[in-house]
Structures are given as C-alpha cells and as structure tokens.
C-alpha cells in the first residue's frame, strides 16, 4: 500500500497521506515517500500547484515514534550525533519550505506535533471546522518545535501561549489568528481547496515561481531559517530525556 496517494488534474497535484489507521502518523517511510512525491511534482512541467491532505479522520497525529529504528534510539543517547542528525532533518524541512511551486495544506481533524512542521512547508493552509492544531509535546515531554513556523504566522505571544499550555487551537481560531487562511465546514473543505488550487493553476508557471521565490526571500531575510536551525539544536538537547521516554510509552508526537 502506498503511503502517499498521488492524483493529478488540470495542473493540480494532490498528495494524500495514507496511514488512516495510524491517523497518518509521520513514519520515516511515509516522509521519504512524501519527499519523493513533492520532488516529482516540482519537476513536472504540467503541475503548477500541490495540495497536501490526509486520508481518514485526521491530517496527521504527528511523528510516529514507534516506527523509529534502533539507530534512531541509539542516537538519542549521543547529544552531538543527535544534534547533527536533527540539523539534517531541519535542513530537509527548510528545503521543502523553499520548494519552487505553491503548496496548499488541506487540514481536517488533528494536526499535531511534527505535522505542524509539515504544515510550515505549505504556503497556504485551509482547514475544516474539525481541525485541531497543537504542539502538546512541548508540555508533555519537553520537546522543542524545530522549524517553528508558528512565530512567523502568529507572532511571539500567541505562539508562546500555545506551546507553553499545550492547548489545541480549533479551526475557527486558527483562521482568526492567522494559522490558517480560512476555516470552512468539513463538507465543503475539499471543494474550497479545489477552487483555490484551480485559480492558482491558471497562472503562468513562470510567474508563480518568481512570485513564490520573492516571498520566500522575505521570510529568509526575516530570520526564519536561522531560527529553525537554532530550534534543531534545542530539539536535540530535549531529545535526550523526553523523546526516549515517549518512545517507550508508544506516543506519537
């Protein structure tokens, strides 16, 4: 079974996370398939915009810690090795954030933990009323968000409140505070995103590439990439105690 379902129509490439029985928890295998699918979409001249979504009841419950291998668990006991590996992962997230074509995230149900890093790679987020966003790992097991796109979109104070309390943000609030572009009833979420994606797909590809590159340059200048790399360092330090304990308890974050 493919962990990422790929569909294409009228310049729109849809990529759907496909582990519904695990609430689309992000395993290494799923992330590998998703990265490959995104790269393929970027290289396809017939694709102008990409839509990310999740199968089943949720966008994604976060990282699937139970799917991590023995090498990962050993890495948790070595801070320098962990920091280097986490830095590599953040570099990959930043590469995805800088993909040349527009990416839309279509979110329903839970979007937790690592799924928010994936969300940070999207240019536009549209959510359903069932959406619940949050980073409970900060409060529950002391893991620091690495990419940390929330301050970019929410500002420092709202981000601080969310990560310190672990409170989940519902779809309506997400749209109100800027975490999402819009919140709509789940019944029309797909159609709403289809309309948005189709509108973008009508634009000349060259203009799309130049426009997105210009906006990405602004976010890089604002220091978002530097903040993400610093986040990787803190994340590795927190890993040493928190992540190992969570893995033993079989949590997904």
Protein backbone atom coordinates (compact mmCIF):
# COMPACT_ATOMS: atom_id res chain seq x y z
CA UNK A 1 0.00 0.00 0.00
CA UNK A 2 1.32 3.40 -0.96
CA UNK A 3 1.78 5.72 2.00
CA UNK A 4 1.13 8.73 -0.24
CA UNK A 5 -1.72 8.70 -2.75
CA UNK A 6 -0.95 10.79 -5.84
CA UNK A 7 -3.61 12.31 -8.10
CA UNK A 8 -3.29 14.94 -10.84
CA UNK A 9 -5.89 17.01 -12.64
CA UNK A 10 -5.75 20.33 -14.51
CA UNK A 11 -2.34 21.39 -13.20
CA UNK A 12 -3.08 20.41 -9.59
CA UNK A 13 -1.10 17.58 -7.96
CA UNK A 14 -2.85 16.13 -4.89
CA UNK A 15 -0.75 14.25 -2.36
CA UNK A 16 -2.74 12.46 0.35
CA UNK A 17 -1.07 10.96 3.42
CA UNK A 18 -2.32 7.39 3.57
CA UNK A 19 -1.96 5.82 7.01
CA UNK A 20 -5.54 6.34 8.19
CA UNK A 21 -5.35 3.52 10.75
CA UNK A 22 -2.50 5.45 12.44
CA UNK A 23 -4.09 8.88 11.93
CA UNK A 24 -1.39 9.46 9.30
CA UNK A 25 1.39 9.46 11.89
CA UNK A 26 4.59 10.51 10.12
CA UNK A 27 6.87 7.49 9.93
CA UNK A 28 10.29 7.68 8.22
CA UNK A 29 8.89 5.64 5.31
CA UNK A 30 5.94 7.99 4.84
CA UNK A 31 8.17 11.06 4.95
CA UNK A 32 10.52 9.51 2.38
CA UNK A 33 7.60 8.82 0.02
CA UNK A 34 6.17 12.28 0.56
CA UNK A 35 9.50 13.99 -0.11
CA UNK A 36 9.93 11.96 -3.31
CA UNK A 37 6.39 12.81 -4.42
CA UNK A 38 6.95 16.52 -3.78
CA UNK A 39 10.22 16.48 -5.72
CA UNK A 40 8.48 14.72 -8.62
CA UNK A 41 5.73 17.33 -8.62
CA UNK A 42 8.29 20.14 -8.67
CA UNK A 43 9.94 18.62 -11.73
CA UNK A 44 6.71 18.02 -13.66
CA UNK A 45 6.05 20.92 -16.07
CA UNK A 46 2.33 20.08 -16.11
CA UNK A 47 1.98 20.67 -12.36
CA UNK A 48 1.52 24.23 -11.12
CA UNK A 49 0.31 23.73 -7.55
CA UNK A 50 0.39 20.93 -4.96
CA UNK A 51 -2.29 20.10 -2.38
CA UNK A 52 -1.40 18.13 0.77
CA UNK A 53 -4.13 16.34 2.71
CA UNK A 54 -4.67 13.32 4.93
CA UNK A 55 -6.80 10.22 4.49
CA UNK A 56 -9.27 9.18 7.17
CA UNK A 57 -10.09 11.10 10.35
CA UNK A 58 -7.08 13.43 10.56
CA UNK A 59 -4.45 15.35 8.65
CA UNK A 60 -1.73 13.83 10.87
CA UNK A 61 -1.28 12.96 14.54
CA UNK A 62 2.43 13.81 14.37
CA UNK A 63 5.64 11.78 14.32
CA UNK A 64 5.27 8.03 14.70
CA UNK A 65 7.89 7.43 17.38
CA UNK A 66 7.14 3.71 17.42
CA UNK A 67 8.30 3.49 13.81
CA UNK A 68 11.77 4.87 14.59
CA UNK A 69 14.54 2.32 14.20
CA UNK A 70 17.30 1.16 16.56
CA UNK A 71 19.78 3.64 15.07
CA UNK A 72 17.46 6.48 16.00
CA UNK A 73 17.07 5.23 19.57
CA UNK A 74 20.85 4.92 19.91
CA UNK A 75 21.22 8.46 18.61
CA UNK A 76 19.13 9.75 21.49
CA UNK A 77 21.93 8.80 23.87
CA UNK A 78 24.56 10.83 21.99
CA UNK A 79 23.87 14.57 22.01
CA UNK A 80 26.38 15.62 19.27
CA UNK A 81 25.20 12.85 16.95
CA UNK A 82 21.59 13.72 17.68
CA UNK A 83 22.20 17.41 17.02
CA UNK A 84 23.85 16.68 13.67
CA UNK A 85 21.04 14.35 12.57
CA UNK A 86 18.35 16.77 13.74
CA UNK A 87 20.11 19.55 11.85
CA UNK A 88 20.00 17.44 8.69
CA UNK A 89 16.29 16.89 9.18
CA UNK A 90 15.66 20.61 9.64
CA UNK A 91 17.69 21.33 6.51
CA UNK A 92 15.35 18.98 4.63
CA UNK A 93 12.28 20.72 6.09
CA UNK A 94 13.70 24.09 5.03
CA UNK A 95 14.31 22.73 1.54
CA UNK A 96 10.67 21.64 1.37
CA UNK A 97 9.59 25.05 2.64
CA UNK A 98 11.52 26.59 -0.25
CA UNK A 99 10.03 24.37 -2.98
CA UNK A 100 9.51 26.49 -6.09
CA UNK A 101 5.81 25.76 -6.71
CA UNK A 102 2.93 26.77 -4.41
CA UNK A 103 1.83 24.19 -1.83
CA UNK A 104 -1.59 24.19 -0.15
CA UNK A 105 -2.32 22.20 3.02
CA UNK A 106 -5.89 20.95 3.40
CA UNK A 107 -6.37 20.15 7.09
CA UNK A 108 -9.14 18.30 8.88
CA UNK A 109 -9.06 16.59 12.26
CA UNK A 110 -5.86 16.63 14.28
CA UNK A 111 -2.64 18.29 13.14
CA UNK A 112 -0.22 17.75 16.00
CA UNK A 113 3.50 17.87 16.75
CA UNK A 114 5.64 17.09 13.73
CA UNK A 115 2.66 17.57 11.43
CA UNK A 116 2.95 21.28 12.19
CA UNK A 117 6.47 21.23 10.76
CA UNK A 118 4.96 19.80 7.58
CA UNK A 119 2.29 22.48 7.71
CA UNK A 120 5.06 25.08 7.91
CA UNK A 121 6.27 23.94 4.49
CA UNK A 122 2.92 24.88 2.95
CA UNK A 123 2.32 28.34 1.51
CA UNK A 124 -1.41 28.32 2.22
CA UNK A 125 -3.42 26.43 4.84
CA UNK A 126 -7.17 25.86 4.57
CA UNK A 127 -8.83 23.91 7.36
CA UNK A 128 -12.15 22.35 8.21
CA UNK A 129 -14.13 23.09 11.34
CA UNK A 130 -12.96 19.74 12.77
CA UNK A 131 -9.30 20.81 12.63
CA UNK A 132 -7.30 20.85 15.85
CA UNK A 133 -3.76 22.26 15.79
CA UNK A 134 -1.22 21.96 18.57
CA UNK A 135 2.24 21.10 19.86
CA UNK A 136 1.47 19.11 23.03
CA UNK A 137 4.97 17.61 23.00
CA UNK A 138 6.42 20.82 24.45
CA UNK A 139 4.35 20.50 27.61
CA UNK A 140 4.04 16.73 27.88
CA UNK A 141 7.58 15.52 27.24
CA UNK A 142 9.66 18.65 26.76
CA UNK A 143 10.31 18.54 23.03
CA UNK A 144 11.05 21.83 21.33
CA UNK A 145 9.49 22.55 17.89
CA UNK A 146 12.28 22.63 15.33
CA UNK A 147 11.03 24.51 12.29
CA UNK A 148 8.85 26.72 14.44
CA UNK A 149 6.85 28.47 11.73
CA UNK A 150 4.22 29.50 14.28
CA UNK A 151 6.06 32.70 15.36
CA UNK A 152 6.26 33.70 11.69
CA UNK A 153 2.49 33.47 11.30
CA UNK A 154 1.14 34.06 14.80
CA UNK A 155 3.70 36.32 16.44
CA UNK A 156 5.67 35.53 19.57
CA UNK A 157 2.98 35.99 22.21
CA UNK A 158 0.34 33.70 20.67
CA UNK A 159 2.99 31.10 19.90
CA UNK A 160 4.27 31.23 23.46
CA UNK A 161 0.79 30.75 24.90
CA UNK A 162 0.08 27.78 22.64
CA UNK A 163 3.30 25.88 23.24
CA UNK A 164 3.52 26.59 26.98
CA UNK A 165 -0.03 25.44 27.69
CA UNK A 166 -0.27 22.68 25.08
CA UNK A 167 -3.73 23.98 24.27
CA UNK A 168 -5.24 22.84 20.98
CA UNK A 169 -6.37 25.51 18.53
CA UNK A 170 -9.58 24.73 16.67
CA UNK A 171 -10.18 25.53 13.03
CA UNK A 172 -12.15 28.72 13.58
CA UNK A 173 -9.49 30.15 15.90
CA UNK A 174 -6.72 29.05 13.53
CA UNK A 175 -8.25 31.16 10.77
CA UNK A 176 -8.86 34.08 13.11
CA UNK A 177 -5.26 34.27 14.35
CA UNK A 178 -3.53 33.55 11.03
CA UNK A 179 -2.54 29.92 11.43
CA UNK A 180 -4.88 29.12 8.54
CA UNK A 181 -6.05 31.20 5.60
CA UNK A 182 -9.66 30.10 6.10
CA UNK A 183 -11.85 27.67 8.04
CA UNK A 184 -14.87 26.13 6.32
CA UNK A 185 -17.33 23.33 7.11
CA UNK A 186 -15.72 19.95 6.56
CA UNK A 187 -18.38 19.08 3.98
CA UNK A 188 -17.07 21.77 1.61
CA UNK A 189 -13.37 21.68 2.56
CA UNK A 190 -12.29 19.69 -0.48
CA UNK A 191 -14.32 21.83 -2.88
CA UNK A 192 -12.99 25.03 -1.31
CA UNK A 193 -9.39 23.90 -1.73
CA UNK A 194 -10.11 22.70 -5.28
CA UNK A 195 -11.37 26.18 -6.19
CA UNK A 196 -8.31 27.86 -4.67
CA UNK A 197 -5.88 25.43 -6.32
CA UNK A 198 -7.59 25.76 -9.70
CA UNK A 199 -7.35 29.54 -9.51
CA UNK A 200 -3.62 29.33 -8.83
CA UNK A 201 -3.12 26.73 -11.57
CA UNK A 202 -4.46 29.20 -14.14
CA UNK A 203 -1.45 31.48 -13.58
CA UNK A 204 1.58 31.21 -15.85
CA UNK A 205 4.10 28.84 -14.24
CA UNK A 206 6.99 31.27 -14.57
CA UNK A 207 5.05 33.96 -12.74
CA UNK A 208 4.17 31.53 -9.96
CA UNK A 209 7.82 30.58 -9.50
CA UNK A 210 9.04 34.19 -9.39
CA UNK A 211 6.28 35.29 -7.01
CA UNK A 212 6.87 32.48 -4.53
CA UNK A 213 10.64 33.00 -4.67
CA UNK A 214 10.17 36.68 -3.83
CA UNK A 215 8.03 35.93 -0.77
CA UNK A 216 10.41 33.18 0.38
CA UNK A 217 13.27 35.66 0.18
CA UNK A 218 11.39 37.91 2.61
CA UNK A 219 10.89 35.10 5.16
CA UNK A 220 14.54 34.11 4.90
CA UNK A 221 15.61 37.72 5.43
CA UNK A 222 13.32 37.91 8.46
CA UNK A 223 15.42 35.19 10.09
CA UNK A 224 13.08 32.21 9.87
CA UNK A 225 15.79 29.86 8.61
CA UNK A 226 18.21 30.87 11.36
CA UNK A 227 15.50 30.33 13.97
CA UNK A 228 14.80 26.87 12.58
CA UNK A 229 18.46 25.86 12.82
CA UNK A 230 18.62 27.09 16.42
CA UNK A 231 15.47 25.11 17.06
CA UNK A 232 17.24 21.98 15.86
CA UNK A 233 19.92 22.47 18.49
CA UNK A 234 17.40 22.86 21.31
CA UNK A 235 15.38 19.95 19.97
CA UNK A 236 18.41 17.65 20.16
CA UNK A 237 19.03 18.61 23.77
CA UNK A 238 15.43 17.96 24.75
CA UNK A 239 15.55 14.64 22.92
CA UNK A 240 17.94 13.16 25.45
CA UNK A 241 15.33 12.67 28.14
CA UNK A 242 11.92 13.39 26.73
CA UNK A 243 11.85 11.60 23.40
CA UNK A 244 13.28 8.34 24.71
CA UNK A 245 10.63 8.19 27.42
CA UNK A 246 7.89 8.91 24.91
CA UNK A 247 9.13 6.15 22.61
CA UNK A 248 8.91 3.63 25.43
CA UNK A 249 5.31 4.70 26.06
CA UNK A 250 4.45 4.40 22.36
CA UNK A 251 3.38 8.01 21.88
CA UNK A 252 3.13 9.83 18.58
CA UNK A 253 4.30 13.43 18.52
